[in-house]
Amino acid sequence: MRRRRGALLAAPLAVGLLLAACSGKGGGSPVSGGTLKVSVRDLGSLDPATTTGGGGPLVVAQLFDSLTKIDPSTGRAKSSAASSWTVSADGLTWTFTIAPATFHDGTPVTAADFKAAFDRIAAKATGSEIAFQLEAVHGFHAAKIDGTASGLDGVQAVDATTLKIVLDRPFDELPVFLADPSLAPLPKAMIANPALLQSQPVGNGPFKMAGPRTPDKVMLERFDGHAGHKAYLDKVEVDLNGDATQAWRDFLAKRTDVAEVPSDAIADSAGKAGTGGFTPRWAALYYGLNLHSPVFVKGTLRLAVSLAIDRKHIADSVFGGTKEPATAIIPRGVRGFQEGLCPVCEQNQDRARQLIQETFGNKPPELIIDHIDAPTSQDVATSVAADLKDVGINAALRAHKSGDYLKFLQSGQAEIIELGWISDVPSPDAYLEHQLGGDSVDNHTGYGDAKFDSLIDKARAASDETARLDFYRQAEAQSYAAMPLIPIVFYRNHIGVADRVHGLLVDGAGIFDAAQVWVDHS
């Protein structure tokens, strides 16, 4: 799977308010000391530019501070490595003041370190999908797409404490995207020898590496020189365990403090897994309709397909209750989510039959559902095909290997397509513009609507948060008239947190801030 501002998932993920209440029982004042033991399925790369999976981003988030971070109570950006920022009246020039801080090796953090890291991420040769977080920055296309520039012209280190970012277009969600943990500064030693990022990266975050990583473990220790909040924990031990069932057994036996709850154990996990790890995921599964296909010329068919689908059955039976029925394009937990915004996102087969009969009489077209060649994807497609048959539409299934799927989507040969989408930050822009924008390379439905694009532009240029989210909601509502993208299920985190652990909150990207965590260790 690719991690970026909005990323197409190769297959469905295995895994309100933005965050749940604090984990652990009781409460009291935080205490210092102790080790938090975390079990993950993968560790992956510790290089912020190329980190993937679950374990890598979790570790990166503890080792590095980005310019901003997400406020868990609001989903908005707040200060982190940048103490403050301003934006010009035209919304194109952002100026960030870098707070006094040092890297783990004692060297000072400067604006030039952010410039060097951003240029490295944006360079085409790096192959970083994180680069798309910087898509609005002047010079992005030359660096990332054309490969004709070695860095971003729009990122400038004015002096040691001033970083200027110039955009090609107004984008008031920029501070939210800059909160991505991967958009962190790198000291000169790491830039000069990037191999060190895989073994013992040096960052500016609340924890530092206690030693080189091993194939199955990363050990972190508190960085007492951290400029921001000092961590309570002495250490964080991140262990690789690819067997979720065994990791859950270790959790129940109190050999680890944080572990994924396997799908077959979720129903019985109440009272055992805490609450801080059961949170909305910033991800959703959709079915897209290729509007360039002759079969979908009539909009009533697109509405009928959405009305036919039993999302609750898919969430409960196909996914075993690990997902929830999707009621919108913007997932629950993301700023801008609004319940009930989609008028045809709940099953109503009687209405679907009526639309089909009025449009096609007794001769509705036959459809093809294209999906990833994976068991869960197959099951979802089978369920959707059964729902369509119930309203009088026959649909054949066509499976594709995950490595070939994106190329197939780009061929324009699909009719109904499986689309999964994830974002590392809680912004509605990632779900709307990327999937449905008229100029987006990730728009696989062929949707193009001038009013939708205009509303997205207005949202991006709105400095007022309330007005901005309202424009995004209007754009989402506009898309439902054509129904190019059908929401199926929202994802959730299911991560067990031991009773002795306090202050741990898993965000929609599946990571948490270990600096806010303390443990009972008496």
Protein backbone atom coordinates (compact mmCIF):
# COMPACT_ATOMS: atom_id res chain seq x y z
CA MET A 1 0.00 0.00 0.00
CA ARG A 2 1.16 3.53 -0.66
CA ARG A 3 1.16 6.12 2.10
CA ARG A 4 0.59 9.65 0.89
CA ARG A 5 -1.79 12.56 1.21
CA GLY A 6 -4.40 10.22 -0.13
CA ALA A 7 -3.34 6.75 -1.17
CA LEU A 8 -4.94 4.02 -3.22
CA LEU A 9 -4.88 0.77 -1.25
CA ALA A 10 -3.88 -2.36 -3.09
CA ALA A 11 -6.39 -4.28 -0.98
CA PRO A 12 -8.70 -3.59 1.96
CA LEU A 13 -6.86 -2.88 5.20
CA ALA A 14 -6.75 -5.57 7.85
CA VAL A 15 -7.04 -3.36 10.52
CA GLY A 16 -17.52 10.95 16.01
CA LEU A 17 -14.47 12.10 17.59
CA LEU A 18 -11.04 11.96 16.15
CA LEU A 19 -9.79 9.89 19.08
CA ALA A 20 -11.25 7.86 21.89
CA ALA A 21 -10.81 8.44 25.59
CA CYS A 22 -7.53 7.63 27.33
CA SER A 23 -6.67 3.98 27.72
CA GLY A 24 -6.13 2.13 30.95
CA LYS A 25 -8.25 2.02 34.06
CA GLY A 26 -8.22 4.56 36.82
CA GLY A 27 -6.17 7.67 36.18
CA GLY A 28 -4.16 9.83 38.53
CA SER A 29 -1.15 11.94 37.75
CA PRO A 30 1.44 10.82 35.22
CA VAL A 31 4.52 9.11 36.61
CA SER A 32 7.92 8.82 35.00
CA GLY A 33 9.84 5.66 34.25
CA GLY A 34 9.16 2.22 32.89
CA THR A 35 9.16 0.57 29.47
CA LEU A 36 6.26 0.34 27.05
CA LYS A 37 6.30 -2.91 25.03
CA VAL A 38 4.65 -2.69 21.61
CA SER A 39 4.06 -5.56 19.19
CA VAL A 40 3.77 -4.76 15.47
CA ARG A 41 3.28 -6.88 12.34
CA ASP A 42 6.08 -5.15 10.44
CA LEU A 43 8.87 -2.66 11.00
CA GLY A 44 9.73 -1.70 7.46
CA SER A 45 11.84 1.32 6.65
CA LEU A 46 12.84 3.82 9.33
CA ASP A 47 13.71 6.38 6.67
CA PRO A 48 10.96 9.03 6.91
CA ALA A 49 10.92 9.37 3.12
CA THR A 50 10.15 5.71 2.49
CA THR A 51 8.54 4.38 5.66
CA THR A 52 5.63 2.01 5.10
CA GLY A 53 3.31 -0.35 6.94
CA GLY A 54 2.46 0.05 10.61
CA GLY A 55 5.67 -0.34 12.59
CA GLY A 56 7.86 2.00 10.57
CA PRO A 57 5.61 5.08 10.77
CA LEU A 58 5.02 4.41 14.49
CA VAL A 59 8.76 4.48 15.19
CA VAL A 60 9.34 7.49 12.93
CA ALA A 61 6.63 9.40 14.82
CA GLN A 62 8.57 8.97 18.08
CA LEU A 63 11.99 9.81 16.61
CA PHE A 64 11.03 12.95 14.70
CA ASP A 65 9.06 16.18 15.18
CA SER A 66 7.50 17.71 12.06
CA LEU A 67 6.72 21.41 11.75
CA THR A 68 3.22 20.82 13.10
CA LYS A 69 1.25 18.07 14.80
CA ILE A 70 -2.43 17.18 14.93
CA ASP A 71 -4.38 18.32 18.00
CA PRO A 72 -6.26 15.15 19.04
CA SER A 73 -9.21 17.13 20.36
CA THR A 74 -9.89 19.06 17.15
CA GLY A 75 -8.04 17.37 14.30
CA ARG A 76 -6.41 20.70 13.47
CA ALA A 77 -2.71 21.50 13.23
CA LYS A 78 -0.84 22.93 16.18
CA SER A 79 2.77 23.91 16.85
CA SER A 80 5.50 21.31 17.03
CA ALA A 81 9.00 21.93 15.61
CA ALA A 82 7.63 25.25 14.35
CA SER A 83 6.67 27.55 17.20
CA SER A 84 4.43 29.64 14.94
CA TRP A 85 3.59 30.45 11.34
CA THR A 86 2.01 33.15 9.21
CA VAL A 87 0.48 33.21 5.74
CA SER A 88 0.39 36.01 3.19
CA ALA A 89 -2.86 37.69 2.21
CA ASP A 90 -2.97 35.83 -1.12
CA GLY A 91 -2.51 32.47 0.67
CA LEU A 92 0.61 31.59 -1.34
CA THR A 93 3.50 32.28 1.04
CA TRP A 94 3.77 30.53 4.41
CA THR A 95 6.48 31.47 6.90
CA PHE A 96 7.34 29.08 9.75
CA THR A 97 9.44 30.01 12.75
CA ILE A 98 11.58 27.06 13.89
CA ALA A 99 11.62 26.61 17.66
CA PRO A 100 15.04 26.27 19.38
CA ALA A 101 15.86 22.55 19.45
CA THR A 102 18.61 20.01 18.87
CA PHE A 103 18.85 16.67 17.15
CA HIS A 104 19.66 13.59 19.21
CA ASP A 105 23.35 14.06 18.33
CA GLY A 106 23.35 17.55 19.83
CA THR A 107 23.45 19.55 16.59
CA PRO A 108 20.92 22.39 16.37
CA VAL A 109 17.77 22.01 14.27
CA THR A 110 17.63 24.70 11.60
CA ALA A 111 15.34 25.71 8.75
CA ALA A 112 18.00 24.37 6.36
CA ASP A 113 17.50 20.88 7.84
CA PHE A 114 13.82 21.02 6.89
CA LYS A 115 14.73 22.33 3.43
CA ALA A 116 17.20 19.47 2.88
CA ALA A 117 14.71 16.83 4.06
CA PHE A 118 11.85 18.21 1.94
CA ASP A 119 14.09 18.41 -1.14
CA ARG A 120 15.17 14.81 -0.61
CA ILE A 121 11.59 13.60 -0.25
CA ALA A 122 10.45 15.52 -3.33
CA ALA A 123 13.29 14.32 -5.59
CA LYS A 124 12.00 11.86 -8.18
CA ALA A 125 14.99 9.57 -7.60
CA THR A 126 13.97 9.08 -3.94
CA GLY A 127 10.71 7.44 -4.99
CA SER A 128 8.86 8.76 -1.95
CA GLU A 129 5.06 8.67 -1.94
CA ILE A 130 5.19 11.04 1.04
CA ALA A 131 6.23 13.68 -1.47
CA PHE A 132 2.61 14.11 -2.52
CA GLN A 133 1.95 15.84 0.81
CA LEU A 134 3.93 18.71 -0.75
CA GLU A 135 2.08 18.76 -4.07
CA ALA A 136 0.92 22.37 -3.71
CA VAL A 137 4.49 23.64 -3.22
CA HIS A 138 6.06 25.60 -6.05
CA GLY A 139 8.50 23.40 -7.94
CA PHE A 140 6.86 20.10 -6.98
CA HIS A 141 6.13 19.05 -10.56
CA ALA A 142 9.69 19.73 -11.69
CA ALA A 143 11.16 17.76 -8.78
CA LYS A 144 8.79 14.83 -8.32
CA ILE A 145 7.10 14.34 -11.70
CA ASP A 146 9.63 15.56 -14.31
CA GLY A 147 12.76 14.94 -12.27
CA THR A 148 14.34 18.05 -13.77
CA ALA A 149 14.95 19.70 -10.39
CA SER A 150 16.86 18.33 -7.41
CA GLY A 151 14.63 20.06 -4.90
CA LEU A 152 11.66 22.30 -4.28
CA ASP A 153 12.09 25.91 -5.43
CA GLY A 154 9.21 26.87 -3.16
CA VAL A 155 10.94 25.78 0.06
CA GLN A 156 13.48 28.34 1.24
CA ALA A 157 15.58 28.55 4.40
CA VAL A 158 15.62 32.31 4.92
CA ASP A 159 17.84 32.01 7.99
CA ALA A 160 18.44 29.45 10.74
CA THR A 161 15.01 29.87 12.27
CA THR A 162 12.84 30.93 9.31
CA LEU A 163 11.45 28.53 6.73
CA LYS A 164 9.45 29.97 3.83
CA ILE A 165 7.14 27.77 1.75
CA VAL A 166 5.73 29.23 -1.47
CA LEU A 167 2.74 27.54 -3.08
CA ASP A 168 1.44 27.43 -6.64
CA ARG A 169 -2.11 27.90 -5.37
CA PRO A 170 -3.75 28.76 -2.05
CA PHE A 171 -3.99 25.75 0.25
CA ASP A 172 -5.07 26.49 3.79
CA GLU A 173 -4.88 22.81 4.74
CA LEU A 174 -1.08 23.00 4.41
CA PRO A 175 -0.36 23.00 8.18
CA VAL A 176 -2.46 19.83 8.52
CA PHE A 177 -0.47 18.03 5.82
CA LEU A 178 2.83 19.21 7.29
CA ALA A 179 1.92 17.29 10.46
CA ASP A 180 2.74 14.04 8.67
CA PRO A 181 5.50 12.48 10.86
CA SER A 182 7.56 11.77 7.76
CA LEU A 183 7.92 15.48 6.91
CA ALA A 184 10.61 15.89 9.52
CA PRO A 185 14.06 17.52 9.44
CA LEU A 186 17.20 15.45 8.92
CA PRO A 187 20.64 16.32 10.29
CA LYS A 188 23.48 16.64 7.80
CA ALA A 189 24.93 13.28 8.88
CA MET A 190 21.75 11.50 7.83
CA ILE A 191 21.57 13.31 4.49
CA ALA A 192 25.20 12.43 3.76
CA ASN A 193 24.76 8.76 4.70
CA PRO A 194 21.09 7.76 4.31
CA ALA A 195 21.92 4.11 5.08
CA LEU A 196 22.09 5.22 8.71
CA LEU A 197 18.37 5.91 8.55
CA GLN A 198 17.74 2.18 8.31
CA SER A 199 19.92 1.17 11.25
CA GLN A 200 20.05 4.05 13.72
CA PRO A 201 18.30 7.23 12.55
CA VAL A 202 18.98 10.49 14.37
CA GLY A 203 15.95 12.73 14.78
CA ASN A 204 14.62 15.63 16.82
CA GLY A 205 11.73 13.88 18.56
CA PRO A 206 10.98 12.91 22.17
CA PHE A 207 12.70 9.51 21.83
CA LYS A 208 16.04 8.46 20.36
CA MET A 209 17.44 5.12 19.27
CA ALA A 210 18.91 3.19 22.20
CA GLY A 211 21.09 1.30 19.73
CA PRO A 212 20.99 -0.03 16.18
CA ARG A 213 17.79 -1.79 15.13
CA THR A 214 17.82 -5.56 14.87
CA PRO A 215 15.79 -7.64 12.40
CA ASP A 216 12.98 -8.03 14.94
CA LYS A 217 13.31 -5.13 17.38
CA VAL A 218 13.68 -1.37 17.76
CA MET A 219 14.53 -0.02 21.21
CA LEU A 220 13.89 3.64 21.91
CA GLU A 221 14.88 5.67 24.96
CA ARG A 222 13.73 9.05 26.20
CA PHE A 223 15.59 12.03 24.74
CA ASP A 224 16.00 14.35 27.71
CA GLY A 225 17.15 17.16 25.44
CA HIS A 226 13.83 17.26 23.59
CA ALA A 227 12.68 20.83 23.12
CA GLY A 228 9.01 19.97 23.53
CA HIS A 229 7.15 17.82 26.00
CA LYS A 230 9.49 15.46 27.88
CA ALA A 231 8.39 11.85 27.68
CA TYR A 232 7.42 10.03 30.86
CA LEU A 233 8.60 6.63 29.70
CA ASP A 234 12.23 5.56 29.99
CA LYS A 235 11.99 3.28 26.95
CA VAL A 236 9.72 2.04 24.19
CA GLU A 237 10.39 -1.49 22.92
CA VAL A 238 8.92 -2.19 19.48
CA ASP A 239 8.94 -5.90 18.61
CA LEU A 240 8.21 -7.47 15.26
CA ASN A 241 5.65 -10.28 15.45
CA GLY A 242 4.03 -11.21 12.15
CA ASP A 243 1.60 -13.58 13.87
CA ALA A 244 -1.30 -11.46 15.17
CA THR A 245 -2.74 -14.42 17.07
CA GLN A 246 0.51 -15.00 18.96
CA ALA A 247 0.88 -11.28 19.63
CA TRP A 248 -2.63 -11.28 21.13
CA ARG A 249 -1.71 -14.27 23.33
CA ASP A 250 1.35 -12.35 24.51
CA PHE A 251 -0.90 -9.37 25.27
CA LEU A 252 -3.33 -11.47 27.32
CA ALA A 253 -0.38 -13.01 29.19
CA LYS A 254 0.89 -9.46 29.94
CA ARG A 255 4.12 -10.03 27.99
CA THR A 256 3.38 -7.00 25.80
CA ASP A 257 1.43 -3.79 26.43
CA VAL A 258 0.16 -2.88 22.95
CA ALA A 259 -0.89 -5.34 20.25
CA GLU A 260 -3.34 -5.71 17.38
CA VAL A 261 -6.55 -7.53 18.28
CA PRO A 262 -7.11 -10.31 15.69
CA SER A 263 -10.45 -10.11 13.92
CA ASP A 264 -11.67 -13.37 15.50
CA ALA A 265 -10.92 -12.03 18.99
CA ILE A 266 -12.57 -8.60 18.70
CA ALA A 267 -15.99 -9.78 19.89
CA ASP A 268 -14.45 -11.16 23.10
CA SER A 269 -11.97 -8.33 23.66
CA ALA A 270 -14.28 -6.09 25.73
CA GLY A 271 -12.70 -5.40 29.09
CA LYS A 272 -9.37 -6.82 27.97
CA ALA A 273 -8.12 -4.35 25.37
CA GLY A 274 -8.87 -0.89 26.80
CA THR A 275 -10.36 1.84 24.62
CA GLY A 276 -7.46 3.95 23.36
CA GLY A 277 -6.76 1.62 20.45
CA PHE A 278 -10.36 1.28 19.22
CA THR A 279 -10.61 4.41 17.11
CA PRO A 280 -11.71 5.49 13.63
CA ARG A 281 -9.17 4.90 10.89
CA TRP A 282 -8.64 7.61 8.28
CA ALA A 283 -9.49 5.09 5.56
CA ALA A 284 -12.45 3.80 3.61
CA LEU A 285 -13.39 1.26 0.96
CA TYR A 286 -15.32 2.50 -2.06
CA TYR A 287 -16.65 1.16 -5.33
CA GLY A 288 -16.00 3.49 -8.24
CA LEU A 289 -18.07 3.68 -11.40
CA ASN A 290 -16.29 4.41 -14.67
CA LEU A 291 -18.30 7.30 -16.07
CA HIS A 292 -16.60 6.90 -19.45
CA SER A 293 -18.14 3.46 -19.85
CA PRO A 294 -21.25 3.52 -22.09
CA VAL A 295 -23.09 1.39 -19.55
CA PHE A 296 -23.05 4.24 -16.99
CA VAL A 297 -24.25 7.03 -19.26
CA LYS A 298 -27.58 7.02 -17.43
CA GLY A 299 -27.19 8.45 -13.93
CA THR A 300 -30.16 6.50 -12.59
CA LEU A 301 -28.16 3.27 -12.92
CA ARG A 302 -25.37 4.71 -10.79
CA LEU A 303 -27.85 5.68 -8.10
CA ALA A 304 -29.50 2.27 -8.28
CA VAL A 305 -26.18 0.47 -7.79
CA SER A 306 -25.51 2.43 -4.60
CA LEU A 307 -29.05 1.88 -3.30
CA ALA A 308 -28.80 -1.87 -3.90
CA ILE A 309 -25.73 -2.47 -1.70
CA ASP A 310 -26.13 -3.86 1.82
CA ARG A 311 -23.19 -2.17 3.53
CA LYS A 312 -24.08 -3.51 6.96
CA HIS A 313 -23.88 -7.08 5.69
CA ILE A 314 -20.45 -6.38 4.21
CA ALA A 315 -19.23 -4.76 7.44
CA ASP A 316 -20.64 -7.46 9.71
CA SER A 317 -20.30 -10.64 7.63
CA VAL A 318 -17.47 -10.08 5.20
CA PHE A 319 -15.31 -8.11 7.62
CA GLY A 320 -16.51 -9.84 10.79
CA GLY A 321 -17.65 -6.63 12.46
CA THR A 322 -14.24 -4.97 12.14
CA LYS A 323 -15.59 -2.25 9.86
CA GLU A 324 -18.69 -0.05 9.86
CA PRO A 325 -21.06 0.82 7.02
CA ALA A 326 -19.85 3.91 5.18
CA THR A 327 -22.30 6.77 4.95
CA ALA A 328 -20.10 9.35 3.19
CA ILE A 329 -16.93 9.81 1.15
CA ILE A 330 -15.14 11.63 3.98
CA PRO A 331 -14.55 8.93 6.63
CA ARG A 332 -15.68 9.17 10.21
CA GLY A 333 -12.91 10.73 12.33
CA VAL A 334 -11.80 13.11 9.54
CA ARG A 335 -12.59 16.81 9.82
CA GLY A 336 -15.59 17.59 7.66
CA PHE A 337 -17.33 14.24 8.10
CA GLN A 338 -21.09 14.65 8.23
CA GLU A 339 -23.54 11.86 8.91
CA GLY A 340 -26.36 11.52 6.39
CA LEU A 341 -24.81 13.74 3.71
CA CYS A 342 -25.20 11.05 1.06
CA PRO A 343 -28.88 10.49 0.16
CA VAL A 344 -28.30 7.11 -1.52
CA CYS A 345 -25.69 5.54 0.77
CA GLU A 346 -28.19 3.39 2.65
CA GLN A 347 -29.73 0.28 1.15
CA ASN A 348 -33.15 0.74 -0.44
CA GLN A 349 -33.67 -2.06 -2.91
CA ASP A 350 -37.26 -1.11 -3.65
CA ARG A 351 -36.13 2.30 -4.83
CA ALA A 352 -33.27 0.68 -6.78
CA ARG A 353 -35.70 -1.64 -8.59
CA GLN A 354 -37.97 1.29 -9.37
CA LEU A 355 -35.11 3.30 -10.91
CA ILE A 356 -33.99 0.34 -13.00
CA GLN A 357 -37.50 -0.40 -14.21
CA GLU A 358 -38.17 3.23 -15.14
CA THR A 359 -34.89 3.48 -17.02
CA PHE A 360 -34.41 0.09 -18.65
CA GLY A 361 -37.72 -1.72 -18.35
CA ASN A 362 -37.05 -5.45 -18.24
CA LYS A 363 -33.69 -5.21 -19.99
CA PRO A 364 -31.13 -3.70 -17.60
CA PRO A 365 -27.48 -3.91 -18.69
CA GLU A 366 -25.11 -6.55 -17.36
CA LEU A 367 -22.19 -5.19 -15.37
CA ILE A 368 -18.62 -6.22 -14.49
CA ILE A 369 -17.11 -5.79 -11.02
CA ASP A 370 -13.31 -5.46 -11.12
CA HIS A 371 -11.50 -6.22 -7.88
CA ILE A 372 -8.18 -7.25 -6.34
CA ASP A 373 -7.41 -10.98 -6.46
CA ALA A 374 -7.59 -11.41 -2.68
CA PRO A 375 -10.08 -13.38 -0.52
CA THR A 376 -11.64 -10.37 1.20
CA SER A 377 -11.94 -8.40 -2.04
CA GLN A 378 -13.54 -11.43 -3.66
CA ASP A 379 -16.04 -11.71 -0.80
CA VAL A 380 -16.99 -8.03 -1.01
CA ALA A 381 -17.47 -8.28 -4.77
CA THR A 382 -19.56 -11.42 -4.35
CA SER A 383 -21.77 -9.67 -1.81
CA VAL A 384 -22.25 -6.63 -4.07
CA ALA A 385 -23.04 -8.87 -7.05
CA ALA A 386 -25.69 -10.67 -4.99
CA ASP A 387 -27.25 -7.35 -3.98
CA LEU A 388 -27.34 -6.23 -7.62
CA LYS A 389 -28.96 -9.50 -8.66
CA ASP A 390 -31.67 -8.91 -6.04
CA VAL A 391 -32.65 -5.73 -7.87
CA GLY A 392 -32.51 -7.29 -11.33
CA ILE A 393 -28.92 -6.63 -12.46
CA ASN A 394 -26.49 -9.42 -13.33
CA ALA A 395 -22.87 -8.64 -12.53
CA ALA A 396 -19.83 -10.73 -13.41
CA LEU A 397 -16.67 -10.65 -11.27
CA ARG A 398 -13.20 -10.03 -12.71
CA ALA A 399 -10.14 -10.42 -10.46
CA HIS A 400 -6.77 -8.71 -10.94
CA LYS A 401 -3.39 -9.25 -9.32
CA SER A 402 -2.60 -6.39 -6.96
CA GLY A 403 0.59 -5.52 -8.84
CA ASP A 404 -1.36 -5.03 -12.06
CA TYR A 405 -4.43 -3.34 -10.63
CA LEU A 406 -3.34 0.29 -10.84
CA LYS A 407 -2.28 -0.16 -14.45
CA PHE A 408 -5.68 -1.70 -15.21
CA LEU A 409 -7.48 1.24 -13.58
CA GLN A 410 -5.50 3.65 -15.71
CA SER A 411 -6.47 1.73 -18.87
CA GLY A 412 -10.08 2.96 -18.62
CA GLN A 413 -11.48 -0.52 -19.31
CA ALA A 414 -13.23 -0.97 -15.96
CA GLU A 415 -16.94 -0.63 -15.14
CA ILE A 416 -17.30 -1.07 -11.36
CA ILE A 417 -13.97 -0.89 -9.53
CA GLU A 418 -12.78 -1.57 -6.01
CA LEU A 419 -11.01 1.45 -4.53
CA GLY A 420 -9.50 1.78 -1.06
CA TRP A 421 -8.21 5.09 0.24
CA ILE A 422 -6.09 6.05 3.24
CA SER A 423 -4.56 9.28 4.47
CA ASP A 424 -1.95 10.01 7.13
CA VAL A 425 -3.68 13.27 8.10
CA PRO A 426 -7.35 14.04 8.85
CA SER A 427 -8.12 16.37 5.97
CA PRO A 428 -11.17 16.08 3.70
CA ASP A 429 -9.04 17.29 0.78
CA ALA A 430 -7.28 13.93 0.64
CA TYR A 431 -10.52 12.06 -0.01
CA LEU A 432 -12.31 14.50 -2.29
CA GLU A 433 -9.83 16.25 -4.55
CA HIS A 434 -7.54 13.30 -5.15
CA GLN A 435 -10.29 10.83 -5.97
CA LEU A 436 -12.68 13.16 -7.81
CA GLY A 437 -10.75 16.25 -8.89
CA GLY A 438 -10.90 16.91 -12.61
CA ASP A 439 -7.11 17.10 -12.96
CA SER A 440 -6.18 14.40 -10.44
CA VAL A 441 -4.14 11.43 -11.66
CA ASP A 442 -5.88 9.38 -8.96
CA ASN A 443 -9.34 10.06 -10.36
CA HIS A 444 -10.17 6.60 -11.76
CA THR A 445 -13.89 7.23 -12.28
CA GLY A 446 -13.61 9.89 -14.98
CA TYR A 447 -15.68 12.28 -12.88
CA GLY A 448 -15.33 15.87 -14.00
CA ASP A 449 -17.57 18.60 -12.64
CA ALA A 450 -16.77 22.30 -12.81
CA LYS A 451 -18.85 23.12 -9.74
CA PHE A 452 -17.15 20.40 -7.70
CA ASP A 453 -13.71 21.68 -8.70
CA SER A 454 -14.74 25.26 -7.92
CA LEU A 455 -15.92 24.30 -4.44
CA ILE A 456 -12.62 22.50 -3.78
CA ASP A 457 -10.74 25.64 -4.85
CA LYS A 458 -12.89 27.73 -2.52
CA ALA A 459 -12.26 25.32 0.34
CA ARG A 460 -8.51 25.41 -0.22
CA ALA A 461 -8.47 29.20 -0.23
CA ALA A 462 -10.69 29.67 2.84
CA SER A 463 -8.69 30.76 5.87
CA ASP A 464 -11.69 30.31 8.16
CA GLU A 465 -11.91 26.69 9.33
CA THR A 466 -15.71 26.59 9.48
CA ALA A 467 -16.11 28.04 5.99
CA ARG A 468 -13.42 25.73 4.62
CA LEU A 469 -15.08 22.56 5.91
CA ASP A 470 -18.45 23.77 4.65
CA PHE A 471 -17.04 24.15 1.12
CA TYR A 472 -15.62 20.63 1.32
CA ARG A 473 -19.01 19.28 2.41
CA GLN A 474 -20.69 21.14 -0.46
CA ALA A 475 -18.22 19.58 -2.89
CA GLU A 476 -18.92 16.14 -1.46
CA ALA A 477 -22.68 16.70 -1.75
CA GLN A 478 -22.20 17.87 -5.36
CA SER A 479 -20.55 14.56 -6.26
CA TYR A 480 -23.53 12.53 -5.04
CA ALA A 481 -25.66 13.88 -7.89
CA ALA A 482 -23.50 11.86 -10.29
CA MET A 483 -22.51 9.13 -7.80
CA PRO A 484 -19.12 8.24 -9.32
CA LEU A 485 -17.83 6.99 -5.99
CA ILE A 486 -19.89 4.68 -3.78
CA PRO A 487 -18.81 4.47 -0.10
CA ILE A 488 -18.86 0.88 1.19
CA VAL A 489 -17.21 0.66 4.64
CA PHE A 490 -15.19 2.80 7.03
CA TYR A 491 -12.15 1.28 8.71
CA ARG A 492 -11.31 1.16 12.40
CA ASN A 493 -8.24 0.52 14.51
CA HIS A 494 -8.46 -2.51 16.78
CA ILE A 495 -5.41 -2.31 19.02
CA GLY A 496 -5.30 -3.67 22.54
CA VAL A 497 -3.81 -1.46 25.25
CA ALA A 498 -2.94 -2.94 28.66
CA ASP A 499 -4.59 -1.67 31.83
CA ARG A 500 -1.24 -0.48 33.21
CA VAL A 501 -0.87 1.93 30.27
CA HIS A 502 -2.29 5.46 30.47
CA GLY A 503 -2.57 8.32 27.98
CA LEU A 504 -2.22 6.18 24.85
CA LEU A 505 -4.44 7.22 21.95
CA VAL A 506 -4.21 5.61 18.52
CA ASP A 507 -4.93 8.15 15.79
CA GLY A 508 -6.51 7.57 12.40
CA ALA A 509 -3.13 6.74 10.86
CA GLY A 510 -2.70 3.92 13.38
CA ILE A 511 0.06 5.60 15.40
CA PHE A 512 0.27 7.23 18.83
CA ASP A 513 2.41 9.77 20.67
CA ALA A 514 4.45 7.76 23.16
CA ALA A 515 5.63 10.97 24.83
CA GLN A 516 2.14 11.33 26.33
CA VAL A 517 2.10 7.77 27.71
CA TRP A 518 2.93 6.61 31.21
CA VAL A 519 2.77 3.18 32.82
CA ASP A 520 2.17 1.71 36.24
CA HIS A 521 5.50 0.15 37.12
CA SER A 522 5.49 -0.17 40.88
